[in-house]
C-alpha cells in the first residue's frame, strides 16, 4: 500500500493542493501529516474529504487547534501512535519530543526541520518529507511510502504541473 507523508504545509494552499491532486491521480488515499498545517481553511484542498484516510498531528505553529480538530477529525497532539497495513507508526512534529530507541514501532514520521530525512535507525524507518510549503528551502516536497517494501520516494512539487 502506498501512503503520502506531508509536513509543514504552512497555509501554502497551492502546494498542499498539488500534493493532494498528485495523490488522487496516483490512487493514494491515505495521507499522513506531520504538523504545521496552520489554519483551518486548508481543509479546502480536500474537495471530497471522505475519500481520504487522513491522520495528522499538531505542529508548533498550528493555530486554531480546536477548529482544526473539528475539521480534520483525525488530527492529534503528538506523538500519535497508529497502524496502517500492519505497520506501526509513531507520528510527531518535532522528533526531539520522542526517544526513538524506546519507541516500539516500524516507522517514525516527523517534520519541523523542513529538511528531508530518510534513514534507518534502531530497526526503524525514520521519515521527514521536507516542507510541502517550500518557504524555507525553495523546494516544496512530500513523500510516498510503500508500506510493503518500506521504500520512500520524495516528490518535488515544483516539478509537477
Protein backbone atom coordinates (compact mmCIF):
# COMPACT_ATOMS: atom_id res chain seq x y z
CA UNK A 1 0.00 0.00 0.00
CA UNK A 2 1.25 3.48 -0.77
CA UNK A 3 0.69 6.38 1.62
CA UNK A 4 1.59 10.04 1.33
CA UNK A 5 3.62 11.72 4.04
CA UNK A 6 3.34 15.51 4.18
CA UNK A 7 4.59 18.07 6.66
CA UNK A 8 4.92 21.78 7.13
CA UNK A 9 2.30 22.99 4.65
CA UNK A 10 2.19 26.38 6.44
CA UNK A 11 -1.01 27.52 4.66
CA UNK A 12 0.52 27.14 1.19
CA UNK A 13 -2.73 26.04 -0.43
CA UNK A 14 -1.19 25.83 -3.90
CA UNK A 15 1.44 23.28 -2.87
CA UNK A 16 -0.86 21.39 -0.48
CA UNK A 17 -3.45 21.10 -3.26
CA UNK A 18 -0.78 19.92 -5.70
CA UNK A 19 0.24 17.18 -3.28
CA UNK A 20 -3.37 16.06 -2.75
CA UNK A 21 -4.06 16.12 -6.51
CA UNK A 22 -0.94 14.01 -7.10
CA UNK A 23 -2.26 11.52 -4.56
CA UNK A 24 -5.71 11.40 -6.21
CA UNK A 25 -4.20 10.89 -9.66
CA UNK A 26 -1.98 8.08 -8.38
CA UNK A 27 -4.60 6.27 -6.28
CA UNK A 28 -3.07 7.21 -2.94
CA UNK A 29 -5.85 7.92 -0.48
CA UNK A 30 -4.01 7.75 2.84
CA UNK A 31 -2.29 10.97 3.89
CA UNK A 32 -0.15 11.32 6.99
CA UNK A 33 0.56 14.92 8.02
CA UNK A 34 3.39 15.63 10.47
CA UNK A 35 2.21 19.05 11.60
CA UNK A 36 2.17 22.75 10.86
CA UNK A 37 -0.95 22.78 8.72
CA UNK A 38 -1.57 26.19 10.36
CA UNK A 39 -5.13 27.34 9.53
CA UNK A 40 -8.47 25.56 9.32
CA UNK A 41 -9.22 26.93 5.83
CA UNK A 42 -6.67 24.46 4.43
CA UNK A 43 -9.39 21.80 4.55
CA UNK A 44 -10.45 23.25 1.17
CA UNK A 45 -7.71 21.27 -0.56
CA UNK A 46 -9.79 18.15 0.03
CA UNK A 47 -12.62 18.56 -2.47
CA UNK A 48 -14.06 15.25 -1.35
CA UNK A 49 -12.52 14.69 2.07
CA UNK A 50 -14.42 11.43 2.60
CA UNK A 51 -12.23 9.64 0.05
CA UNK A 52 -9.08 10.22 2.08
CA UNK A 53 -7.84 8.46 5.17
CA UNK A 54 -6.14 11.40 6.88
CA UNK A 55 -4.12 11.23 10.08
CA UNK A 56 -2.11 14.12 11.40
CA UNK A 57 -0.57 15.78 14.41
CA UNK A 58 -0.39 19.36 15.51
CA UNK A 59 2.87 21.24 14.99
CA UNK A 60 4.37 24.10 16.92
CA UNK A 61 2.86 26.72 14.56
CA UNK A 62 -0.67 25.36 14.29
CA UNK A 63 -3.26 27.89 15.38
CA UNK A 64 -6.96 27.43 15.92
CA UNK A 65 -6.36 23.89 17.18
CA UNK A 66 -9.93 23.42 18.29
CA UNK A 67 -11.28 24.28 14.83
CA UNK A 68 -8.54 22.28 13.07
CA UNK A 69 -9.64 19.29 15.19
CA UNK A 70 -13.26 19.87 14.23
CA UNK A 71 -12.47 19.90 10.51
CA UNK A 72 -9.62 17.37 10.43
CA UNK A 73 -11.25 14.89 12.78
CA UNK A 74 -8.19 12.64 12.87
CA UNK A 75 -5.59 15.19 13.96
CA UNK A 76 -3.95 14.61 17.34
CA UNK A 77 -1.48 16.03 19.80
CA UNK A 78 1.92 14.44 19.18
CA UNK A 79 3.16 11.86 19.47
CA UNK A 80 0.38 9.80 17.93
CA UNK A 81 0.71 6.03 17.54
CA UNK A 82 -1.29 4.06 14.98
CA UNK A 83 -1.15 1.22 12.46
CA UNK A 84 -1.54 1.12 8.71
CA UNK A 85 -1.30 -2.05 6.66
CA UNK A 86 0.18 -3.99 9.58
CA UNK A 87 2.94 -1.45 10.18
CA UNK A 88 3.15 0.52 13.41
CA UNK A 89 3.80 4.25 13.20
CA UNK A 90 4.79 6.99 15.60
CA UNK A 91 3.85 10.39 14.22
CA UNK A 92 5.26 13.56 15.75
CA UNK A 93 6.12 17.04 14.61
CA UNK A 94 9.44 17.55 16.39
CA UNK A 95 11.47 14.35 16.56
CA UNK A 96 13.20 15.67 19.67
CA UNK A 97 9.91 15.12 21.54
CA UNK A 98 10.34 11.34 21.43
CA UNK A 99 13.05 8.83 22.28
CA UNK A 100 13.35 6.80 19.09
CA UNK A 101 15.14 3.88 20.73
CA UNK A 102 12.27 3.45 23.22
CA UNK A 103 9.51 3.52 20.58
CA UNK A 104 8.09 0.14 19.67
CA UNK A 105 7.26 0.80 16.03
CA UNK A 106 8.29 0.18 12.44
CA UNK A 107 8.14 3.78 11.19
CA UNK A 108 8.72 7.19 12.75
CA UNK A 109 7.33 10.16 10.82
CA UNK A 110 8.23 13.73 11.72
CA UNK A 111 8.54 17.22 10.30
CA UNK A 112 9.53 20.55 11.88
CA UNK A 113 13.05 20.90 10.43
CA UNK A 114 11.80 21.46 6.86
CA UNK A 115 14.61 19.13 5.76
CA UNK A 116 14.21 15.79 4.00
CA UNK A 117 15.39 12.85 6.06
CA UNK A 118 15.09 9.17 5.23
CA UNK A 119 17.13 6.83 7.37
CA UNK A 120 17.05 3.59 9.27
CA UNK A 121 17.98 3.61 12.92
CA UNK A 122 17.47 1.04 15.68
CA UNK A 123 15.46 -1.11 13.26
CA UNK A 124 13.07 1.72 12.42
CA UNK A 125 12.46 3.70 9.26
CA UNK A 126 12.57 7.43 10.03
CA UNK A 127 10.98 9.80 7.52
CA UNK A 128 10.81 13.57 7.31
CA UNK A 129 9.28 14.50 3.93
CA UNK A 130 10.74 18.01 3.97
CA UNK A 131 8.48 21.01 3.64
CA UNK A 132 5.38 20.96 1.48
CA UNK A 133 5.26 24.76 1.55
CA UNK A 134 8.74 25.26 0.12
CA UNK A 135 9.10 28.55 2.00
CA UNK A 136 12.48 27.95 3.65
CA UNK A 137 14.24 25.71 1.17
CA UNK A 138 12.55 26.77 -2.06
CA UNK A 139 12.00 23.05 -2.52
CA UNK A 140 8.36 22.00 -1.87
CA UNK A 141 8.34 18.26 -1.24
CA UNK A 142 6.38 15.39 0.20
CA UNK A 143 6.99 11.64 0.36
CA UNK A 144 5.33 8.46 -0.84
CA UNK A 145 5.90 5.43 1.40
CA UNK A 146 5.31 1.88 0.20
CA UNK A 147 4.26 0.06 3.37
CA UNK A 148 5.25 -3.36 1.96
CA UNK A 149 8.81 -2.60 0.83
CA UNK A 150 9.34 0.38 3.19
CA UNK A 151 10.78 2.28 0.24
CA UNK A 152 10.31 6.06 0.26
CA UNK A 153 10.09 8.31 -2.78
CA UNK A 154 10.41 12.07 -2.46
CA UNK A 155 8.12 14.06 -4.76
CA UNK A 156 9.26 17.57 -5.69
CA UNK A 157 6.10 19.62 -6.18
CA UNK A 158 7.89 22.28 -8.21
CA UNK A 159 8.41 19.64 -10.91
CA UNK A 160 4.69 18.82 -11.18
CA UNK A 161 2.49 20.91 -13.46
